[in-house]
PDB file of N, CA and C in Angstrom:
ATOM      1  N   LEU A   1     -35.110 -99.032 -31.905  1.00  0.00           N
ATOM      2  CA  LEU A   1     -35.197 -98.340 -30.636  1.00  0.00           C
ATOM      3  C   LEU A   1     -34.797 -99.237 -29.473  1.00  0.00           C
ATOM      4  N   LYS A   2     -34.988-100.540 -29.622  1.00  0.00           N
ATOM      5  CA  LYS A   2     -34.634-101.450 -28.534  1.00  0.00           C
ATOM      6  C   LYS A   2     -33.148-101.396 -28.216  1.00  0.00           C
ATOM      7  N   VAL A   3     -32.318-101.275 -29.244  1.00  0.00           N
ATOM      8  CA  VAL A   3     -30.866-101.303 -29.038  1.00  0.00           C
ATOM      9  C   VAL A   3     -30.217 -99.949 -29.290  1.00  0.00           C
ATOM     10  N   ASN A   4     -31.004 -98.915 -29.385  1.00  0.00           N
ATOM     11  CA  ASN A   4     -30.500 -97.565 -29.616  1.00  0.00           C
ATOM     12  C   ASN A   4     -29.576 -97.132 -28.483  1.00  0.00           C
ATOM     13  N   ASN A   5     -28.425 -96.567 -28.842  1.00  0.00           N
ATOM     14  CA  ASN A   5     -27.562 -95.982 -27.829  1.00  0.00           C
ATOM     15  C   ASN A   5     -27.106 -94.584 -28.238  1.00  0.00           C
ATOM     16  N   THR A   6     -27.825 -93.986 -29.193  1.00  0.00           N
ATOM     17  CA  THR A   6     -27.461 -92.675 -29.699  1.00  0.00           C
ATOM     18  C   THR A   6     -28.591 -91.654 -29.573  1.00  0.00           C
ATOM     19  N   LEU A   7     -29.765 -91.982 -30.075  1.00  0.00           N
ATOM     20  CA  LEU A   7     -30.889 -91.045 -30.051  1.00  0.00           C
ATOM     21  C   LEU A   7     -31.318 -90.736 -28.627  1.00  0.00           C
ATOM     22  N   ILE A   8     -31.505 -89.452 -28.353  1.00  0.00           N
ATOM     23  CA  ILE A   8     -32.015 -89.083 -27.030  1.00  0.00           C
ATOM     24  C   ILE A   8     -33.435 -88.526 -27.107  1.00  0.00           C
ATOM     25  N   GLU A   9     -33.877 -88.155 -28.303  1.00  0.00           N
ATOM     26  CA  GLU A   9     -35.234 -87.645 -28.476  1.00  0.00           C
ATOM     27  C   GLU A   9     -35.747 -88.052 -29.850  1.00  0.00           C
ATOM     28  N   ILE A  10     -37.003 -88.410 -29.898  1.00  0.00           N
ATOM     29  CA  ILE A  10     -37.622 -88.760 -31.176  1.00  0.00           C
ATOM     30  C   ILE A  10     -39.005 -88.125 -31.236  1.00  0.00           C
ATOM     31  N   MET A  11     -39.324 -87.571 -32.391  1.00  0.00           N
ATOM     32  CA  MET A  11     -40.593 -86.870 -32.573  1.00  0.00           C
ATOM     33  C   MET A  11     -41.387 -87.501 -33.710  1.00  0.00           C
ATOM     34  N   PHE A  12     -42.559 -87.980 -33.375  1.00  0.00           N
ATOM     35  CA  PHE A  12     -43.483 -88.551 -34.354  1.00  0.00           C
ATOM     36  C   PHE A  12     -44.717 -87.662 -34.455  1.00  0.00           C
ATOM     37  N   TRP A  13     -44.532 -86.392 -34.775  1.00  0.00           N
ATOM     38  CA  TRP A  13     -45.666 -85.478 -34.917  1.00  0.00           C
ATOM     39  C   TRP A  13     -46.543 -85.881 -36.091  1.00  0.00           C
ATOM     40  N   TYR A  14     -47.819 -86.041 -35.874  1.00  0.00           N
ATOM     41  CA  TYR A  14     -48.832 -86.226 -36.921  1.00  0.00           C
ATOM     42  C   TYR A  14     -48.433 -87.252 -37.981  1.00  0.00           C
ATOM     43  N   ASN A  15     -48.213 -88.479 -37.536  1.00  0.00           N
ATOM     44  CA  ASN A  15     -47.880 -89.563 -38.456  1.00  0.00           C
ATOM     45  C   ASN A  15     -48.957 -90.635 -38.514  1.00  0.00           C
ATOM     46  N   ALA A  16     -50.074 -90.416 -37.846  1.00  0.00           N
ATOM     47  CA  ALA A  16     -51.201 -91.363 -37.861  1.00  0.00           C
ATOM     48  C   ALA A  16     -50.766 -92.781 -37.497  1.00  0.00           C
ATOM     49  N   ILE A  17     -49.929 -92.911 -36.478  1.00  0.00           N
ATOM     50  CA  ILE A  17     -49.448 -94.240 -36.100  1.00  0.00           C
ATOM     51  C   ILE A  17     -50.523 -95.072 -35.417  1.00  0.00           C
ATOM     52  N   GLY A  18     -51.498 -94.433 -34.797  1.00  0.00           N
ATOM     53  CA  GLY A  18     -52.624 -95.131 -34.194  1.00  0.00           C
ATOM     54  C   GLY A  18     -52.231 -96.091 -33.090  1.00  0.00           C
ATOM     55  N   THR A  19     -53.157 -97.008 -32.800  1.00  0.00           N
ATOM     56  CA  THR A  19     -52.974 -97.968 -31.719  1.00  0.00           C
ATOM     57  C   THR A  19     -51.823 -98.917 -31.987  1.00  0.00           C
ATOM     58  N   ASP A  20     -51.763 -99.465 -33.185  1.00  0.00           N
ATOM     59  CA  ASP A  20     -50.705-100.423 -33.505  1.00  0.00           C
ATOM     60  C   ASP A  20     -49.320 -99.788 -33.431  1.00  0.00           C
ATOM     61  N   GLY A  21     -49.188 -98.594 -33.962  1.00  0.00           N
ATOM     62  CA  GLY A  21     -47.905 -97.901 -33.904  1.00  0.00           C
ATOM     63  C   GLY A  21     -47.488 -97.593 -32.485  1.00  0.00           C
ATOM     64  N   ALA A  22     -48.445 -97.162 -31.666  1.00  0.00           N
ATOM     65  CA  ALA A  22     -48.155 -96.881 -30.259  1.00  0.00           C
ATOM     66  C   ALA A  22     -47.701 -98.147 -29.551  1.00  0.00           C
ATOM     67  N   ALA A  23     -48.328 -99.266 -29.872  1.00  0.00           N
ATOM     68  CA  ALA A  23     -47.950-100.545 -29.258  1.00  0.00           C
ATOM     69  C   ALA A  23     -46.515-100.921 -29.624  1.00  0.00           C
ATOM     70  N   HIS A  24     -46.156-100.766 -30.886  1.00  0.00           N
ATOM     71  CA  HIS A  24     -44.797-101.119 -31.327  1.00  0.00           C
ATOM     72  C   HIS A  24     -43.748-100.208 -30.704  1.00  0.00           C
ATOM     73  N   ILE A  25     -44.026 -98.930 -30.678  1.00  0.00           N
ATOM     74  CA  ILE A  25     -43.076 -97.977 -30.084  1.00  0.00           C
ATOM     75  C   ILE A  25     -42.925 -98.250 -28.593  1.00  0.00           C
ATOM     76  N   ALA A  26     -44.029 -98.451 -27.907  1.00  0.00           N
ATOM     77  CA  ALA A  26     -43.984 -98.714 -26.469  1.00  0.00           C
ATOM     78  C   ALA A  26     -43.208 -99.985 -26.163  1.00  0.00           C
ATOM     79  N   LYS A  27     -43.421-101.020 -26.962  1.00  0.00           N
ATOM     80  CA  LYS A  27     -42.703-102.281 -26.746  1.00  0.00           C
ATOM     81  C   LYS A  27     -41.199-102.062 -26.899  1.00  0.00           C
ATOM     82  N   ALA A  28     -40.814-101.330 -27.909  1.00  0.00           N
ATOM     83  CA  ALA A  28     -39.398-101.083 -28.147  1.00  0.00           C
ATOM     84  C   ALA A  28     -38.767-100.255 -27.034  1.00  0.00           C
ATOM     85  N   LEU A  29     -39.536 -99.361 -26.447  1.00  0.00           N
ATOM     86  CA  LEU A  29     -38.985 -98.454 -25.434  1.00  0.00           C
ATOM     87  C   LEU A  29     -39.012 -99.008 -24.010  1.00  0.00           C
ATOM     88  N   LYS A  30     -39.597-100.161 -23.821  1.00  0.00           N
ATOM     89  CA  LYS A  30     -39.628-100.729 -22.474  1.00  0.00           C
ATOM     90  C   LYS A  30     -38.224-100.961 -21.930  1.00  0.00           C
ATOM     91  N   ARG A  31     -37.298-101.312 -22.778  1.00  0.00           N
ATOM     92  CA  ARG A  31     -35.938-101.616 -22.331  1.00  0.00           C
ATOM     93  C   ARG A  31     -34.919-100.584 -22.795  1.00  0.00           C
ATOM     94  N   ASN A  32     -35.359 -99.547 -23.478  1.00  0.00           N
ATOM     95  CA  ASN A  32     -34.442 -98.523 -23.974  1.00  0.00           C
ATOM     96  C   ASN A  32     -33.874 -97.730 -22.800  1.00  0.00           C
ATOM     97  N   THR A  33     -32.570 -97.475 -22.839  1.00  0.00           N
ATOM     98  CA  THR A  33     -31.931 -96.748 -21.740  1.00  0.00           C
ATOM     99  C   THR A  33     -31.286 -95.447 -22.199  1.00  0.00           C
ATOM    100  N   THR A  34     -31.626 -94.978 -23.387  1.00  0.00           N
ATOM    101  CA  THR A  34     -31.009 -93.767 -23.924  1.00  0.00           C
ATOM    102  C   THR A  34     -32.019 -92.649 -24.171  1.00  0.00           C
ATOM    103  N   LEU A  35     -33.163 -92.994 -24.703  1.00  0.00           N
ATOM    104  CA  LEU A  35     -34.156 -91.983 -25.094  1.00  0.00           C
ATOM    105  C   LEU A  35     -34.717 -91.260 -23.875  1.00  0.00           C
ATOM    106  N   THR A  36     -34.660 -89.929 -23.904  1.00  0.00           N
ATOM    107  CA  THR A  36     -35.211 -89.145 -22.803  1.00  0.00           C
ATOM    108  C   THR A  36     -36.458 -88.369 -23.216  1.00  0.00           C
ATOM    109  N   GLY A  37     -36.688 -88.190 -24.510  1.00  0.00           N
ATOM    110  CA  GLY A  37     -37.843 -87.437 -24.978  1.00  0.00           C
ATOM    111  C   GLY A  37     -38.590 -88.161 -26.073  1.00  0.00           C
ATOM    112  N   LEU A  38     -39.903 -88.214 -25.969  1.00  0.00           N
ATOM    113  CA  LEU A  38     -40.743 -88.879 -26.957  1.00  0.00           C
ATOM    114  C   LEU A  38     -41.955 -88.006 -27.257  1.00  0.00           C
ATOM    115  N   VAL A  39     -42.149 -87.685 -28.518  1.00  0.00           N
ATOM    116  CA  VAL A  39     -43.296 -86.888 -28.956  1.00  0.00           C
ATOM    117  C   VAL A  39     -44.191 -87.772 -29.815  1.00  0.00           C
ATOM    118  N   LEU A  40     -45.430 -87.950 -29.376  1.00  0.00           N
ATOM    119  CA  LEU A  40     -46.418 -88.731 -30.117  1.00  0.00           C
ATOM    120  C   LEU A  40     -47.675 -87.905 -30.371  1.00  0.00           C
ATOM    121  N   GLY A  41     -47.526 -86.604 -30.455  1.00  0.00           N
ATOM    122  CA  GLY A  41     -48.655 -85.717 -30.658  1.00  0.00           C
ATOM    123  C   GLY A  41     -49.309 -85.882 -32.015  1.00  0.00           C
ATOM    124  N   GLY A  42     -50.647 -85.851 -32.037  1.00  0.00           N
ATOM    125  CA  GLY A  42     -51.405 -85.879 -33.284  1.00  0.00           C
ATOM    126  C   GLY A  42     -51.317 -87.178 -34.042  1.00  0.00           C
ATOM    127  N   ASN A  43     -51.353 -88.305 -33.342  1.00  0.00           N
ATOM    128  CA  ASN A  43     -51.160 -89.592 -34.006  1.00  0.00           C
ATOM    129  C   ASN A  43     -52.344 -90.543 -33.927  1.00  0.00           C
ATOM    130  N   GLU A  44     -53.523 -90.018 -33.621  1.00  0.00           N
ATOM    131  CA  GLU A  44     -54.736 -90.829 -33.596  1.00  0.00           C
ATOM    132  C   GLU A  44     -54.635 -91.994 -32.611  1.00  0.00           C
ATOM    133  N   ILE A  45     -53.931 -91.775 -31.519  1.00  0.00           N
ATOM    134  CA  ILE A  45     -53.786 -92.804 -30.490  1.00  0.00           C
ATOM    135  C   ILE A  45     -55.022 -92.771 -29.591  1.00  0.00           C
ATOM    136  N   ASP A  46     -55.668 -93.927 -29.451  1.00  0.00           N
ATOM    137  CA  ASP A  46     -56.889 -94.022 -28.650  1.00  0.00           C
ATOM    138  C   ASP A  46     -56.563 -94.546 -27.248  1.00  0.00           C
ATOM    139  N   ASP A  47     -57.600 -94.872 -26.480  1.00  0.00           N
ATOM    140  CA  ASP A  47     -57.409 -95.361 -25.119  1.00  0.00           C
ATOM    141  C   ASP A  47     -56.571 -96.636 -25.066  1.00  0.00           C
ATOM    142  N   VAL A  48     -56.765 -97.515 -26.023  1.00  0.00           N
ATOM    143  CA  VAL A  48     -55.989 -98.764 -26.060  1.00  0.00           C
ATOM    144  C   VAL A  48     -54.519 -98.457 -26.350  1.00  0.00           C
ATOM    145  N   GLY A  49     -54.272 -97.596 -27.316  1.00  0.00           N
ATOM    146  CA  GLY A  49     -52.903 -97.241 -27.668  1.00  0.00           C
ATOM    147  C   GLY A  49     -52.152 -96.545 -26.557  1.00  0.00           C
ATOM    148  N   VAL A  50     -52.842 -95.645 -25.858  1.00  0.00           N
ATOM    149  CA  VAL A  50     -52.170 -94.922 -24.780  1.00  0.00           C
ATOM    150  C   VAL A  50     -51.939 -95.836 -23.581  1.00  0.00           C
ATOM    151  N   LYS A  51     -52.718 -96.898 -23.464  1.00  0.00           N
ATOM    152  CA  LYS A  51     -52.470 -97.900 -22.414  1.00  0.00           C
ATOM    153  C   LYS A  51     -51.121 -98.573 -22.643  1.00  0.00           C
ATOM    154  N   TYR A  52     -50.769 -98.848 -23.894  1.00  0.00           N
ATOM    155  CA  TYR A  52     -49.442 -99.408 -24.200  1.00  0.00           C
ATOM    156  C   TYR A  52     -48.341 -98.445 -23.758  1.00  0.00           C
ATOM    157  N   VAL A  53     -48.546 -97.187 -24.031  1.00  0.00           N
ATOM    158  CA  VAL A  53     -47.572 -96.166 -23.635  1.00  0.00           C
ATOM    159  C   VAL A  53     -47.475 -96.117 -22.107  1.00  0.00           C
ATOM    160  N   ALA A  54     -48.601 -96.158 -21.439  1.00  0.00           N
ATOM    161  CA  ALA A  54     -48.616 -96.125 -19.976  1.00  0.00           C
ATOM    162  C   ALA A  54     -47.880 -97.334 -19.395  1.00  0.00           C
ATOM    163  N   ASP A  55     -48.102 -98.501 -19.964  1.00  0.00           N
ATOM    164  CA  ASP A  55     -47.420 -99.704 -19.484  1.00  0.00           C
ATOM    165  C   ASP A  55     -45.907 -99.590 -19.674  1.00  0.00           C
ATOM    166  N   MET A  56     -45.493 -98.983 -20.778  1.00  0.00           N
ATOM    167  CA  MET A  56     -44.069 -98.754 -21.021  1.00  0.00           C
ATOM    168  C   MET A  56     -43.499 -97.817 -19.970  1.00  0.00           C
ATOM    169  N   LEU A  57     -44.241 -96.772 -19.627  1.00  0.00           N
ATOM    170  CA  LEU A  57     -43.767 -95.803 -18.636  1.00  0.00           C
ATOM    171  C   LEU A  57     -43.531 -96.438 -17.269  1.00  0.00           C
ATOM    172  N   LYS A  58     -44.238 -97.494 -16.970  1.00  0.00           N
ATOM    173  CA  LYS A  58     -44.083 -98.157 -15.679  1.00  0.00           C
ATOM    174  C   LYS A  58     -42.729 -98.842 -15.531  1.00  0.00           C
ATOM    175  N   VAL A  59     -42.090 -99.170 -16.658  1.00  0.00           N
ATOM    176  CA  VAL A  59     -40.806 -99.885 -16.583  1.00  0.00           C
ATOM    177  C   VAL A  59     -39.633 -99.109 -17.179  1.00  0.00           C
ATOM    178  N   ASN A  60     -39.893 -98.131 -18.011  1.00  0.00           N
ATOM    179  CA  ASN A  60     -38.820 -97.334 -18.607  1.00  0.00           C
ATOM    180  C   ASN A  60     -38.254 -96.395 -17.552  1.00  0.00           C
ATOM    181  N   THR A  61     -36.926 -96.342 -17.460  1.00  0.00           N
ATOM    182  CA  THR A  61     -36.297 -95.554 -16.402  1.00  0.00           C
ATOM    183  C   THR A  61     -35.554 -94.324 -16.910  1.00  0.00           C
ATOM    184  N   THR A  62     -35.618 -94.042 -18.204  1.00  0.00           N
ATOM    185  CA  THR A  62     -34.863 -92.898 -18.730  1.00  0.00           C
ATOM    186  C   THR A  62     -35.727 -91.819 -19.363  1.00  0.00           C
ATOM    187  N   LEU A  63     -36.921 -92.141 -19.781  1.00  0.00           N
ATOM    188  CA  LEU A  63     -37.776 -91.165 -20.450  1.00  0.00           C
ATOM    189  C   LEU A  63     -38.218 -90.093 -19.453  1.00  0.00           C
ATOM    190  N   THR A  64     -37.909 -88.838 -19.763  1.00  0.00           N
ATOM    191  CA  THR A  64     -38.270 -87.744 -18.871  1.00  0.00           C
ATOM    192  C   THR A  64     -39.238 -86.753 -19.515  1.00  0.00           C
ATOM    193  N   GLY A  65     -39.434 -86.857 -20.821  1.00  0.00           N
ATOM    194  CA  GLY A  65     -40.354 -85.965 -21.517  1.00  0.00           C
ATOM    195  C   GLY A  65     -41.263 -86.747 -22.445  1.00  0.00           C
ATOM    196  N   LEU A  66     -42.557 -86.455 -22.395  1.00  0.00           N
ATOM    197  CA  LEU A  66     -43.534 -87.163 -23.212  1.00  0.00           C
ATOM    198  C   LEU A  66     -44.614 -86.187 -23.661  1.00  0.00           C
ATOM    199  N   VAL A  67     -44.889 -86.164 -24.968  1.00  0.00           N
ATOM    200  CA  VAL A  67     -45.946 -85.317 -25.525  1.00  0.00           C
ATOM    201  C   VAL A  67     -46.989 -86.231 -26.166  1.00  0.00           C
ATOM    202  N   LEU A  68     -48.236 -86.068 -25.731  1.00  0.00           N
ATOM    203  CA  LEU A  68     -49.332 -86.893 -26.242  1.00  0.00           C
ATOM    204  C   LEU A  68     -50.534 -86.054 -26.688  1.00  0.00           C
ATOM    205  N   ASN A  69     -50.338 -84.776 -26.911  1.00  0.00           N
ATOM    206  CA  ASN A  69     -51.477 -83.923 -27.256  1.00  0.00           C
ATOM    207  C   ASN A  69     -52.074 -84.271 -28.617  1.00  0.00           C
ATOM    208  N   ASN A  70     -53.300 -83.840 -28.818  1.00  0.00           N
ATOM    209  CA  ASN A  70     -54.015 -84.021 -30.092  1.00  0.00           C
ATOM    210  C   ASN A  70     -54.114 -85.472 -30.533  1.00  0.00           C
ATOM    211  N   ASN A  71     -54.490 -86.337 -29.603  1.00  0.00           N
ATOM    212  CA  ASN A  71     -54.757 -87.734 -29.912  1.00  0.00           C
ATOM    213  C   ASN A  71     -56.219 -88.026 -29.611  1.00  0.00           C
ATOM    214  N   ARG A  72     -56.605 -89.286 -29.650  1.00  0.00           N
ATOM    215  CA  ARG A  72     -58.019 -89.643 -29.518  1.00  0.00           C
ATOM    216  C   ARG A  72     -58.365 -90.335 -28.207  1.00  0.00           C
ATOM    217  N   PHE A  73     -57.463 -90.356 -27.264  1.00  0.00           N
ATOM    218  CA  PHE A  73     -57.796 -91.017 -26.006  1.00  0.00           C
ATOM    219  C   PHE A  73     -58.586 -90.073 -25.108  1.00  0.00           C
ATOM    220  N   GLY A  74     -59.335 -90.683 -24.216  1.00  0.00           N
ATOM    221  CA  GLY A  74     -60.191 -89.907 -23.325  1.00  0.00           C
ATOM    222  C   GLY A  74     -59.808 -90.106 -21.875  1.00  0.00           C
ATOM    223  N   ASP A  75     -60.830 -90.100 -21.013  1.00  0.00           N
ATOM    224  CA  ASP A  75     -60.606 -90.194 -19.573  1.00  0.00           C
ATOM    225  C   ASP A  75     -59.878 -91.473 -19.169  1.00  0.00           C
ATOM    226  N   ALA A  76     -60.226 -92.592 -19.790  1.00  0.00           N
ATOM    227  CA  ALA A  76     -59.571 -93.862 -19.447  1.00  0.00           C
ATOM    228  C   ALA A  76     -58.076 -93.795 -19.752  1.00  0.00           C
ATOM    229  N   GLY A  77     -57.725 -93.228 -20.878  1.00  0.00           N
ATOM    230  CA  GLY A  77     -56.315 -93.091 -21.236  1.00  0.00           C
ATOM    231  C   GLY A  77     -55.570 -92.160 -20.301  1.00  0.00           C
ATOM    232  N   ILE A  78     -56.227 -91.092 -19.908  1.00  0.00           N
ATOM    233  CA  ILE A  78     -55.615 -90.148 -18.968  1.00  0.00           C
ATOM    234  C   ILE A  78     -55.374 -90.835 -17.625  1.00  0.00           C
ATOM    235  N   ARG A  79     -56.330 -91.645 -17.186  1.00  0.00           N
ATOM    236  CA  ARG A  79     -56.154 -92.388 -15.923  1.00  0.00           C
ATOM    237  C   ARG A  79     -54.978 -93.349 -16.018  1.00  0.00           C
ATOM    238  N   ASP A  80     -54.848 -94.036 -17.154  1.00  0.00           N
ATOM    239  CA  ASP A  80     -53.735 -94.977 -17.334  1.00  0.00           C
ATOM    240  C   ASP A  80     -52.390 -94.265 -17.260  1.00  0.00           C
ATOM    241  N   ILE A  81     -52.279 -93.123 -17.913  1.00  0.00           N
ATOM    242  CA  ILE A  81     -51.034 -92.345 -17.874  1.00  0.00           C
ATOM    243  C   ILE A  81     -50.772 -91.852 -16.448  1.00  0.00           C
ATOM    244  N   ALA A  82     -51.785 -91.378 -15.769  1.00  0.00           N
ATOM    245  CA  ALA A  82     -51.625 -90.904 -14.392  1.00  0.00           C
ATOM    246  C   ALA A  82     -51.150 -92.017 -13.479  1.00  0.00           C
ATOM    247  N   GLU A  83     -51.694 -93.207 -13.639  1.00  0.00           N
ATOM    248  CA  GLU A  83     -51.273 -94.354 -12.824  1.00  0.00           C
ATOM    249  C   GLU A  83     -49.816 -94.704 -13.118  1.00  0.00           C
ATOM    250  N   ALA A  84     -49.409 -94.617 -14.370  1.00  0.00           N
ATOM    251  CA  ALA A  84     -48.027 -94.911 -14.737  1.00  0.00           C
ATOM    252  C   ALA A  84     -47.071 -93.919 -14.079  1.00  0.00           C
ATOM    253  N   PHE A  85     -47.471 -92.663 -14.025  1.00  0.00           N
ATOM    254  CA  PHE A  85     -46.618 -91.640 -13.399  1.00  0.00           C
ATOM    255  C   PHE A  85     -46.429 -91.891 -11.912  1.00  0.00           C
ATOM    256  N   LYS A  86     -47.360 -92.599 -11.299  1.00  0.00           N
ATOM    257  CA  LYS A  86     -47.238 -92.900  -9.873  1.00  0.00           C
ATOM    258  C   LYS A  86     -46.067 -93.855  -9.599  1.00  0.00           C
ATOM    259  N   VAL A  87     -45.759 -94.729 -10.573  1.00  0.00           N
ATOM    260  CA  VAL A  87     -44.669 -95.689 -10.382  1.00  0.00           C
ATOM    261  C   VAL A  87     -43.389 -95.315 -11.102  1.00  0.00           C
ATOM    262  N   ASN A  88     -43.462 -94.375 -12.023  1.00  0.00           N
ATOM    263  CA  ASN A  88     -42.276 -93.955 -12.759  1.00  0.00           C
ATOM    264  C   ASN A  88     -41.627 -92.782 -12.045  1.00  0.00           C
ATOM    265  N   SER A  89     -40.389 -92.967 -11.635  1.00  0.00           N
ATOM    266  CA  SER A  89     -39.708 -91.911 -10.877  1.00  0.00           C
ATOM    267  C   SER A  89     -38.945 -90.939 -11.757  1.00  0.00           C
ATOM    268  N   THR A  90     -38.916 -91.180 -13.075  1.00  0.00           N
ATOM    269  CA  THR A  90     -38.201 -90.255 -13.959  1.00  0.00           C
ATOM    270  C   THR A  90     -39.159 -89.256 -14.526  1.00  0.00           C
TER     271      THR A  90
END
Protein backbone atom coordinates (compact mmCIF):
# COMPACT_ATOMS: atom_id res chain seq x y z
CA LEU A 1 0.00 0.00 0.00
CA LYS A 2 2.91 2.36 0.59
CA VAL A 3 3.91 2.31 -3.08
CA ASN A 4 0.51 1.53 -4.59
CA ASN A 5 -0.33 3.55 -7.68
CA THR A 6 -3.26 1.49 -8.94
CA LEU A 7 -5.76 0.61 -6.20
CA ILE A 8 -8.26 3.34 -5.43
CA GLU A 9 -10.41 1.41 -2.94
CA ILE A 10 -9.77 -1.48 -0.60
CA MET A 11 -12.28 -3.35 1.52
CA PHE A 12 -11.34 -5.35 4.60
CA TRP A 13 -14.84 -6.39 5.70
CA TYR A 14 -14.83 -8.71 8.74
CA ASN A 15 -11.23 -9.89 8.67
CA ALA A 16 -10.53 -9.58 12.42
CA ILE A 17 -7.46 -7.43 11.78
CA GLY A 18 -7.72 -5.87 15.25
CA THR A 19 -5.37 -3.27 16.67
CA ASP A 20 -2.20 -4.60 15.07
CA GLY A 21 -3.75 -4.82 11.62
CA ALA A 22 -5.16 -1.31 11.91
CA ALA A 23 -1.71 -0.05 12.90
CA HIS A 24 -0.05 -1.67 9.88
CA ILE A 25 -2.67 -0.44 7.43
CA ALA A 26 -2.59 3.08 8.86
CA LYS A 27 1.20 3.20 8.68
CA ALA A 28 1.15 2.14 5.05
CA LEU A 29 -1.50 4.70 4.14
CA LYS A 30 0.18 7.70 5.71
CA ARG A 31 2.07 8.35 2.49
CA ASN A 32 -0.28 6.70 -0.02
CA THR A 33 -1.47 9.10 -2.71
CA THR A 34 -3.82 6.85 -4.69
CA LEU A 35 -6.31 5.19 -2.34
CA THR A 36 -9.55 7.14 -1.96
CA GLY A 37 -11.71 4.55 -0.18
CA LEU A 38 -10.98 2.33 2.81
CA VAL A 39 -13.41 -0.10 4.45
CA LEU A 40 -12.44 -1.51 7.85
CA GLY A 41 -15.90 -2.52 9.02
CA GLY A 42 -16.27 -5.44 11.43
CA ASN A 43 -12.59 -5.88 12.23
CA GLU A 44 -12.48 -5.83 16.03
CA ILE A 45 -10.64 -2.50 16.02
CA ASP A 46 -10.56 -0.98 19.51
CA ASP A 47 -9.79 2.55 20.75
CA VAL A 48 -6.05 2.02 20.32
CA GLY A 49 -6.44 0.70 16.78
CA VAL A 50 -8.73 3.49 15.67
CA LYS A 51 -6.22 6.00 17.07
CA TYR A 52 -3.73 4.70 14.47
CA VAL A 53 -6.34 5.27 11.79
CA ALA A 54 -7.04 8.77 13.12
CA ASP A 55 -3.34 9.64 13.10
CA MET A 56 -3.13 8.46 9.48
CA LEU A 57 -6.09 10.66 8.55
CA LYS A 58 -4.23 13.71 9.84
CA VAL A 59 -1.55 13.33 7.15
CA ASN A 60 -3.21 11.40 4.31
CA THR A 61 -4.40 13.77 1.60
CA THR A 62 -6.28 11.46 -0.78
CA LEU A 63 -8.60 9.29 1.30
CA THR A 64 -12.16 10.56 0.91
CA GLY A 65 -14.19 7.57 2.10
CA LEU A 66 -13.79 5.58 5.31
CA VAL A 67 -16.01 2.87 6.83
CA LEU A 68 -15.41 1.85 10.45
CA ASN A 69 -18.76 0.39 11.50
CA ASN A 70 -19.11 -2.73 13.67
CA ASN A 71 -15.81 -2.39 15.49
CA ARG A 72 -14.97 -2.27 19.20
CA PHE A 73 -13.95 1.33 19.73
CA GLY A 74 -15.96 3.61 21.94
CA ASP A 75 -16.19 7.30 22.78
CA ALA A 76 -12.41 7.80 22.90
CA GLY A 77 -12.03 6.37 19.41
CA ILE A 78 -14.85 8.50 18.09
CA ARG A 79 -13.18 11.61 19.56
CA ASP A 80 -9.88 10.68 17.90
CA ILE A 81 -11.55 10.30 14.50
CA ALA A 82 -13.44 13.57 14.97
CA GLU A 83 -10.21 15.40 15.81
CA ALA A 84 -8.56 13.94 12.71
CA PHE A 85 -11.40 15.22 10.53
CA LYS A 86 -10.73 18.72 11.83
CA VAL A 87 -7.29 18.72 10.17
CA ASN A 88 -8.01 16.54 7.15
CA SER A 89 -9.40 18.58 4.29
CA THR A 90 -10.24 15.60 2.07
